[in-house]
């Protein structure tokens, strides 16, 4: 449970700091990955999804997104 809260807080802080830098974060891949991570962890926290598998999935998605090249991470999706 501690790891879920840490992931939620880190995702929220990341999203807030990126929004302060530039307002189009929700249109970029990095913003979508962060939003998906928060939603997955929220669903796991409330019991809609199995906790261990969902936390692992969120970690993998966030890791892949964080290590993607800058041109990919900050590409506008829409």
PDB file of N, CA and C in Angstrom:
ATOM      1  N   UNK A   1       0.820  -1.193   0.000  1.00  0.00           N
ATOM      2  CA  UNK A   1       0.000   0.000   0.000  1.00  0.00           C
ATOM      3  C   UNK A   1       0.866   1.260   0.000  1.00  0.00           C
ATOM      4  N   UNK A   2       2.007   1.190   0.678  1.00  0.00           N
ATOM      5  CA  UNK A   2       2.906   2.338   0.727  1.00  0.00           C
ATOM      6  C   UNK A   2       3.410   2.667  -0.675  1.00  0.00           C
ATOM      7  N   UNK A   3       3.715   1.629  -1.458  1.00  0.00           N
ATOM      8  CA  UNK A   3       4.220   1.847  -2.806  1.00  0.00           C
ATOM      9  C   UNK A   3       3.154   2.471  -3.707  1.00  0.00           C
ATOM     10  N   UNK A   4       1.922   2.112  -3.508  1.00  0.00           N
ATOM     11  CA  UNK A   4       0.834   2.704  -4.288  1.00  0.00           C
ATOM     12  C   UNK A   4       0.740   4.196  -3.983  1.00  0.00           C
ATOM     13  N   UNK A   5       0.804   4.552  -2.722  1.00  0.00           N
ATOM     14  CA  UNK A   5       0.737   5.960  -2.348  1.00  0.00           C
ATOM     15  C   UNK A   5       1.942   6.740  -2.859  1.00  0.00           C
ATOM     16  N   UNK A   6       3.119   6.144  -2.813  1.00  0.00           N
ATOM     17  CA  UNK A   6       4.316   6.797  -3.337  1.00  0.00           C
ATOM     18  C   UNK A   6       4.181   7.026  -4.839  1.00  0.00           C
ATOM     19  N   UNK A   7       3.686   6.033  -5.546  1.00  0.00           N
ATOM     20  CA  UNK A   7       3.515   6.174  -6.993  1.00  0.00           C
ATOM     21  C   UNK A   7       2.466   7.230  -7.323  1.00  0.00           C
ATOM     22  N   UNK A   8       1.372   7.271  -6.562  1.00  0.00           N
ATOM     23  CA  UNK A   8       0.347   8.286  -6.791  1.00  0.00           C
ATOM     24  C   UNK A   8       0.887   9.696  -6.531  1.00  0.00           C
ATOM     25  N   UNK A   9       1.615   9.846  -5.451  1.00  0.00           N
ATOM     26  CA  UNK A   9       2.178  11.156  -5.135  1.00  0.00           C
ATOM     27  C   UNK A   9       3.217  11.581  -6.160  1.00  0.00           C
ATOM     28  N   UNK A  10       4.085  10.661  -6.560  1.00  0.00           N
ATOM     29  CA  UNK A  10       5.111  11.021  -7.540  1.00  0.00           C
ATOM     30  C   UNK A  10       4.476  11.354  -8.887  1.00  0.00           C
ATOM     31  N   UNK A  11       3.461  10.620  -9.282  1.00  0.00           N
ATOM     32  CA  UNK A  11       2.768  10.922 -10.532  1.00  0.00           C
ATOM     33  C   UNK A  11       2.065  12.263 -10.479  1.00  0.00           C
ATOM     34  N   UNK A  12       1.412  12.537  -9.368  1.00  0.00           N
ATOM     35  CA  UNK A  12       0.742  13.822  -9.208  1.00  0.00           C
ATOM     36  C   UNK A  12       1.717  14.987  -9.210  1.00  0.00           C
ATOM     37  N   UNK A  13       2.823  14.843  -8.496  1.00  0.00           N
ATOM     38  CA  UNK A  13       3.832  15.898  -8.474  1.00  0.00           C
ATOM     39  C   UNK A  13       4.454  16.101  -9.853  1.00  0.00           C
ATOM     40  N   UNK A  14       4.703  15.017 -10.548  1.00  0.00           N
ATOM     41  CA  UNK A  14       5.254  15.119 -11.896  1.00  0.00           C
ATOM     42  C   UNK A  14       4.294  15.865 -12.813  1.00  0.00           C
ATOM     43  N   UNK A  15       3.030  15.528 -12.725  1.00  0.00           N
ATOM     44  CA  UNK A  15       2.029  16.170 -13.563  1.00  0.00           C
ATOM     45  C   UNK A  15       1.915  17.655 -13.235  1.00  0.00           C
ATOM     46  N   UNK A  16       1.939  18.002 -11.982  1.00  0.00           N
ATOM     47  CA  UNK A  16       1.845  19.412 -11.579  1.00  0.00           C
ATOM     48  C   UNK A  16       3.064  20.199 -12.050  1.00  0.00           C
ATOM     49  N   UNK A  17       4.260  19.655 -11.857  1.00  0.00           N
ATOM     50  CA  UNK A  17       5.460  20.377 -12.280  1.00  0.00           C
ATOM     51  C   UNK A  17       5.525  20.522 -13.795  1.00  0.00           C
ATOM     52  N   UNK A  18       5.099  19.502 -14.521  1.00  0.00           N
ATOM     53  CA  UNK A  18       5.081  19.608 -15.981  1.00  0.00           C
ATOM     54  C   UNK A  18       4.039  20.612 -16.445  1.00  0.00           C
ATOM     55  N   UNK A  19       2.905  20.694 -15.765  1.00  0.00           N
ATOM     56  CA  UNK A  19       1.876  21.685 -16.119  1.00  0.00           C
ATOM     57  C   UNK A  19       2.384  23.097 -15.883  1.00  0.00           C
ATOM     58  N   UNK A  20       3.199  23.278 -14.864  1.00  0.00           N
ATOM     59  CA  UNK A  20       3.756  24.600 -14.600  1.00  0.00           C
ATOM     60  C   UNK A  20       4.758  24.996 -15.677  1.00  0.00           C
ATOM     61  N   UNK A  21       5.494  24.025 -16.213  1.00  0.00           N
ATOM     62  CA  UNK A  21       6.480  24.302 -17.267  1.00  0.00           C
ATOM     63  C   UNK A  21       5.823  24.657 -18.575  1.00  0.00           C
ATOM     64  N   UNK A  22       4.874  23.856 -18.989  1.00  0.00           N
ATOM     65  CA  UNK A  22       4.155  24.134 -20.230  1.00  0.00           C
ATOM     66  C   UNK A  22       2.766  23.535 -20.160  1.00  0.00           C
ATOM     67  N   UNK A  23       1.824  24.231 -20.701  1.00  0.00           N
ATOM     68  CA  UNK A  23       0.414  23.899 -20.533  1.00  0.00           C
ATOM     69  C   UNK A  23      -0.078  22.769 -21.426  1.00  0.00           C
ATOM     70  N   UNK A  24       0.701  22.332 -22.385  1.00  0.00           N
ATOM     71  CA  UNK A  24       0.224  21.316 -23.324  1.00  0.00           C
ATOM     72  C   UNK A  24       0.602  19.895 -22.924  1.00  0.00           C
ATOM     73  N   UNK A  25       0.938  19.673 -21.672  1.00  0.00           N
ATOM     74  CA  UNK A  25       1.374  18.352 -21.224  1.00  0.00           C
ATOM     75  C   UNK A  25       0.318  17.279 -21.472  1.00  0.00           C
ATOM     76  N   UNK A  26      -0.947  17.625 -21.382  1.00  0.00           N
ATOM     77  CA  UNK A  26      -1.993  16.623 -21.583  1.00  0.00           C
ATOM     78  C   UNK A  26      -2.104  16.199 -23.042  1.00  0.00           C
ATOM     79  N   UNK A  27      -1.533  16.988 -23.941  1.00  0.00           N
ATOM     80  CA  UNK A  27      -1.551  16.639 -25.358  1.00  0.00           C
ATOM     81  C   UNK A  27      -0.331  15.816 -25.748  1.00  0.00           C
ATOM     82  N   UNK A  28       0.626  15.665 -24.845  1.00  0.00           N
ATOM     83  CA  UNK A  28       1.860  14.940 -25.129  1.00  0.00           C
ATOM     84  C   UNK A  28       1.797  13.516 -24.587  1.00  0.00           C
ATOM     85  N   UNK A  29       2.671  12.677 -25.111  1.00  0.00           N
ATOM     86  CA  UNK A  29       2.749  11.290 -24.656  1.00  0.00           C
ATOM     87  C   UNK A  29       3.120  11.217 -23.180  1.00  0.00           C
ATOM     88  N   UNK A  30       4.024  12.068 -22.729  1.00  0.00           N
ATOM     89  CA  UNK A  30       4.446  12.050 -21.323  1.00  0.00           C
ATOM     90  C   UNK A  30       3.268  12.330 -20.383  1.00  0.00           C
ATOM     91  N   UNK A  31       2.434  13.270 -20.747  1.00  0.00           N
ATOM     92  CA  UNK A  31       1.274  13.592 -19.928  1.00  0.00           C
ATOM     93  C   UNK A  31       0.242  12.479 -19.926  1.00  0.00           C
ATOM     94  N   UNK A  32       0.057  11.852 -21.074  1.00  0.00           N
ATOM     95  CA  UNK A  32      -0.901  10.746 -21.160  1.00  0.00           C
ATOM     96  C   UNK A  32      -0.417   9.555 -20.334  1.00  0.00           C
ATOM     97  N   UNK A  33       0.878   9.281 -20.378  1.00  0.00           N
ATOM     98  CA  UNK A  33       1.428   8.179 -19.592  1.00  0.00           C
ATOM     99  C   UNK A  33       1.238   8.446 -18.108  1.00  0.00           C
ATOM    100  N   UNK A  34       1.492   9.668 -17.684  1.00  0.00           N
ATOM    101  CA  UNK A  34       1.317  10.009 -16.281  1.00  0.00           C
ATOM    102  C   UNK A  34      -0.144   9.907 -15.866  1.00  0.00           C
ATOM    103  N   UNK A  35      -1.026  10.376 -16.714  1.00  0.00           N
ATOM    104  CA  UNK A  35      -2.450  10.289 -16.416  1.00  0.00           C
ATOM    105  C   UNK A  35      -2.922   8.839 -16.340  1.00  0.00           C
ATOM    106  N   UNK A  36      -2.454   7.992 -17.247  1.00  0.00           N
ATOM    107  CA  UNK A  36      -2.810   6.569 -17.227  1.00  0.00           C
ATOM    108  C   UNK A  36      -2.273   5.910 -15.962  1.00  0.00           C
ATOM    109  N   UNK A  37      -1.051   6.272 -15.575  1.00  0.00           N
ATOM    110  CA  UNK A  37      -0.461   5.711 -14.355  1.00  0.00           C
ATOM    111  C   UNK A  37      -1.301   6.074 -13.134  1.00  0.00           C
ATOM    112  N   UNK A  38      -1.713   7.323 -13.034  1.00  0.00           N
ATOM    113  CA  UNK A  38      -2.526   7.754 -11.894  1.00  0.00           C
ATOM    114  C   UNK A  38      -3.876   7.037 -11.885  1.00  0.00           C
ATOM    115  N   UNK A  39      -4.489   6.909 -13.060  1.00  0.00           N
ATOM    116  CA  UNK A  39      -5.780   6.225 -13.141  1.00  0.00           C
ATOM    117  C   UNK A  39      -5.665   4.746 -12.782  1.00  0.00           C
ATOM    118  N   UNK A  40      -4.623   4.081 -13.265  1.00  0.00           N
ATOM    119  CA  UNK A  40      -4.423   2.670 -12.933  1.00  0.00           C
ATOM    120  C   UNK A  40      -4.224   2.476 -11.430  1.00  0.00           C
ATOM    121  N   UNK A  41      -3.391   3.319 -10.849  1.00  0.00           N
ATOM    122  CA  UNK A  41      -3.128   3.179  -9.424  1.00  0.00           C
ATOM    123  C   UNK A  41      -4.346   3.543  -8.590  1.00  0.00           C
ATOM    124  N   UNK A  42      -5.125   4.500  -9.047  1.00  0.00           N
ATOM    125  CA  UNK A  42      -6.365   4.832  -8.346  1.00  0.00           C
ATOM    126  C   UNK A  42      -7.355   3.684  -8.396  1.00  0.00           C
ATOM    127  N   UNK A  43      -7.459   3.034  -9.557  1.00  0.00           N
ATOM    128  CA  UNK A  43      -8.359   1.881  -9.681  1.00  0.00           C
ATOM    129  C   UNK A  43      -7.885   0.726  -8.804  1.00  0.00           C
ATOM    130  N   UNK A  44      -6.578   0.529  -8.736  1.00  0.00           N
ATOM    131  CA  UNK A  44      -6.040  -0.540  -7.882  1.00  0.00           C
ATOM    132  C   UNK A  44      -6.260  -0.214  -6.406  1.00  0.00           C
ATOM    133  N   UNK A  45      -6.061   1.026  -6.041  1.00  0.00           N
ATOM    134  CA  UNK A  45      -6.237   1.442  -4.654  1.00  0.00           C
ATOM    135  C   UNK A  45      -7.683   1.232  -4.188  1.00  0.00           C
ATOM    136  N   UNK A  46      -8.635   1.486  -5.062  1.00  0.00           N
ATOM    137  CA  UNK A  46     -10.047   1.344  -4.705  1.00  0.00           C
ATOM    138  C   UNK A  46     -10.595  -0.049  -4.946  1.00  0.00           C
ATOM    139  N   UNK A  47      -9.740  -0.976  -5.376  1.00  0.00           N
ATOM    140  CA  UNK A  47     -10.148  -2.364  -5.498  1.00  0.00           C
ATOM    141  C   UNK A  47     -10.781  -2.759  -6.818  1.00  0.00           C
ATOM    142  N   UNK A  48     -10.747  -1.887  -7.808  1.00  0.00           N
ATOM    143  CA  UNK A  48     -11.326  -2.226  -9.109  1.00  0.00           C
ATOM    144  C   UNK A  48     -10.414  -3.145  -9.920  1.00  0.00           C
ATOM    145  N   UNK A  49      -9.119  -3.055  -9.678  1.00  0.00           N
ATOM    146  CA  UNK A  49      -8.131  -3.892 -10.356  1.00  0.00           C
ATOM    147  C   UNK A  49      -7.253  -4.564  -9.306  1.00  0.00           C
ATOM    148  N   UNK A  50      -6.667  -5.730  -9.626  1.00  0.00           N
ATOM    149  CA  UNK A  50      -5.783  -6.402  -8.665  1.00  0.00           C
ATOM    150  C   UNK A  50      -4.537  -5.555  -8.392  1.00  0.00           C
ATOM    151  N   UNK A  51      -4.237  -5.367  -7.138  1.00  0.00           N
ATOM    152  CA  UNK A  51      -3.186  -4.438  -6.720  1.00  0.00           C
ATOM    153  C   UNK A  51      -1.785  -4.786  -7.242  1.00  0.00           C
ATOM    154  N   UNK A  52      -1.246  -5.980  -7.006  1.00  0.00           N
ATOM    155  CA  UNK A  52       0.140  -6.237  -7.421  1.00  0.00           C
ATOM    156  C   UNK A  52       0.346  -6.118  -8.935  1.00  0.00           C
ATOM    157  N   UNK A  53      -0.568  -6.674  -9.700  1.00  0.00           N
ATOM    158  CA  UNK A  53      -0.413  -6.652 -11.155  1.00  0.00           C
ATOM    159  C   UNK A  53      -0.560  -5.236 -11.706  1.00  0.00           C
ATOM    160  N   UNK A  54      -1.469  -4.467 -11.142  1.00  0.00           N
ATOM    161  CA  UNK A  54      -1.702  -3.114 -11.631  1.00  0.00           C
ATOM    162  C   UNK A  54      -0.533  -2.196 -11.288  1.00  0.00           C
ATOM    163  N   UNK A  55       0.016  -2.335 -10.098  1.00  0.00           N
ATOM    164  CA  UNK A  55       1.182  -1.532  -9.720  1.00  0.00           C
ATOM    165  C   UNK A  55       2.356  -1.874 -10.635  1.00  0.00           C
ATOM    166  N   UNK A  56       2.548  -3.142 -10.918  1.00  0.00           N
ATOM    167  CA  UNK A  56       3.620  -3.540 -11.826  1.00  0.00           C
ATOM    168  C   UNK A  56       3.393  -2.966 -13.222  1.00  0.00           C
ATOM    169  N   UNK A  57       2.169  -3.033 -13.711  1.00  0.00           N
ATOM    170  CA  UNK A  57       1.851  -2.485 -15.029  1.00  0.00           C
ATOM    171  C   UNK A  57       2.099  -0.981 -15.071  1.00  0.00           C
ATOM    172  N   UNK A  58       1.678  -0.267 -14.049  1.00  0.00           N
ATOM    173  CA  UNK A  58       1.902   1.178 -13.995  1.00  0.00           C
ATOM    174  C   UNK A  58       3.393   1.496 -13.962  1.00  0.00           C
ATOM    175  N   UNK A  59       4.160   0.703 -13.223  1.00  0.00           N
ATOM    176  CA  UNK A  59       5.600   0.906 -13.149  1.00  0.00           C
ATOM    177  C   UNK A  59       6.253   0.677 -14.506  1.00  0.00           C
ATOM    178  N   UNK A  60       5.856  -0.366 -15.197  1.00  0.00           N
ATOM    179  CA  UNK A  60       6.428  -0.664 -16.517  1.00  0.00           C
ATOM    180  C   UNK A  60       6.072   0.427 -17.513  1.00  0.00           C
ATOM    181  N   UNK A  61       4.814   0.845 -17.534  1.00  0.00           N
ATOM    182  CA  UNK A  61       4.395   1.906 -18.455  1.00  0.00           C
ATOM    183  C   UNK A  61       5.171   3.193 -18.176  1.00  0.00           C
ATOM    184  N   UNK A  62       5.297   3.554 -16.913  1.00  0.00           N
ATOM    185  CA  UNK A  62       6.017   4.774 -16.552  1.00  0.00           C
ATOM    186  C   UNK A  62       7.502   4.662 -16.889  1.00  0.00           C
ATOM    187  N   UNK A  63       8.085   3.502 -16.686  1.00  0.00           N
ATOM    188  CA  UNK A  63       9.501   3.311 -16.992  1.00  0.00           C
ATOM    189  C   UNK A  63       9.772   3.420 -18.487  1.00  0.00           C
ATOM    190  N   UNK A  64       8.934   2.808 -19.277  1.00  0.00           N
ATOM    191  CA  UNK A  64       9.108   2.887 -20.730  1.00  0.00           C
ATOM    192  C   UNK A  64       8.928   4.330 -21.200  1.00  0.00           C
ATOM    193  N   UNK A  65       7.928   5.004 -20.687  1.00  0.00           N
ATOM    194  CA  UNK A  65       7.703   6.390 -21.068  1.00  0.00           C
ATOM    195  C   UNK A  65       8.822   7.318 -20.625  1.00  0.00           C
ATOM    196  N   UNK A  66       9.374   7.076 -19.452  1.00  0.00           N
ATOM    197  CA  UNK A  66      10.442   7.931 -18.934  1.00  0.00           C
ATOM    198  C   UNK A  66      11.748   7.750 -19.698  1.00  0.00           C
ATOM    199  N   UNK A  67      11.967   6.567 -20.248  1.00  0.00           N
ATOM    200  CA  UNK A  67      13.218   6.303 -20.951  1.00  0.00           C
ATOM    201  C   UNK A  67      13.093   6.418 -22.466  1.00  0.00           C
ATOM    202  N   UNK A  68      11.933   6.836 -22.929  1.00  0.00           N
ATOM    203  CA  UNK A  68      11.758   7.061 -24.363  1.00  0.00           C
ATOM    204  C   UNK A  68      12.533   8.323 -24.753  1.00  0.00           C
ATOM    205  N   UNK A  69      12.965   8.407 -26.001  1.00  0.00           N
ATOM    206  CA  UNK A  69      13.665   9.629 -26.438  1.00  0.00           C
ATOM    207  C   UNK A  69      12.790  10.866 -26.258  1.00  0.00           C
ATOM    208  N   UNK A  70      13.443  12.003 -26.069  1.00  0.00           N
ATOM    209  CA  UNK A  70      12.728  13.246 -25.797  1.00  0.00           C
ATOM    210  C   UNK A  70      11.738  13.585 -26.918  1.00  0.00           C
ATOM    211  N   UNK A  71      12.116  13.337 -28.156  1.00  0.00           N
ATOM    212  CA  UNK A  71      11.227  13.640 -29.279  1.00  0.00           C
ATOM    213  C   UNK A  71       9.971  12.778 -29.249  1.00  0.00           C
ATOM    214  N   UNK A  72      10.067  11.602 -28.682  1.00  0.00           N
ATOM    215  CA  UNK A  72       8.907  10.714 -28.573  1.00  0.00           C
ATOM    216  C   UNK A  72       8.058  11.120 -27.381  1.00  0.00           C
ATOM    217  N   UNK A  73       8.687  11.356 -26.230  1.00  0.00           N
ATOM    218  CA  UNK A  73       7.968  11.715 -25.005  1.00  0.00           C
ATOM    219  C   UNK A  73       7.155  12.986 -25.146  1.00  0.00           C
ATOM    220  N   UNK A  74       7.694  13.960 -25.841  1.00  0.00           N
ATOM    221  CA  UNK A  74       7.045  15.269 -25.924  1.00  0.00           C
ATOM    222  C   UNK A  74       6.378  15.512 -27.272  1.00  0.00           C
ATOM    223  N   UNK A  75       6.113  14.449 -27.996  1.00  0.00           N
ATOM    224  CA  UNK A  75       5.390  14.567 -29.270  1.00  0.00           C
ATOM    225  C   UNK A  75       3.924  14.848 -28.970  1.00  0.00           C
ATOM    226  N   UNK A  76       3.349  15.779 -29.700  1.00  0.00           N
ATOM    227  CA  UNK A  76       1.938  16.097 -29.528  1.00  0.00           C
ATOM    228  C   UNK A  76       1.101  14.985 -30.137  1.00  0.00           C
ATOM    229  N   UNK A  77       0.154  14.470 -29.367  1.00  0.00           N
ATOM    230  CA  UNK A  77      -0.710  13.394 -29.854  1.00  0.00           C
ATOM    231  C   UNK A  77      -1.963  13.948 -30.519  1.00  0.00           C
ATOM    232  N   UNK A  78      -2.458  15.061 -30.030  1.00  0.00           N
ATOM    233  CA  UNK A  78      -3.644  15.684 -30.628  1.00  0.00           C
ATOM    234  C   UNK A  78      -3.624  17.159 -30.365  1.00  0.00           C
TER     235      UNK A  78
END
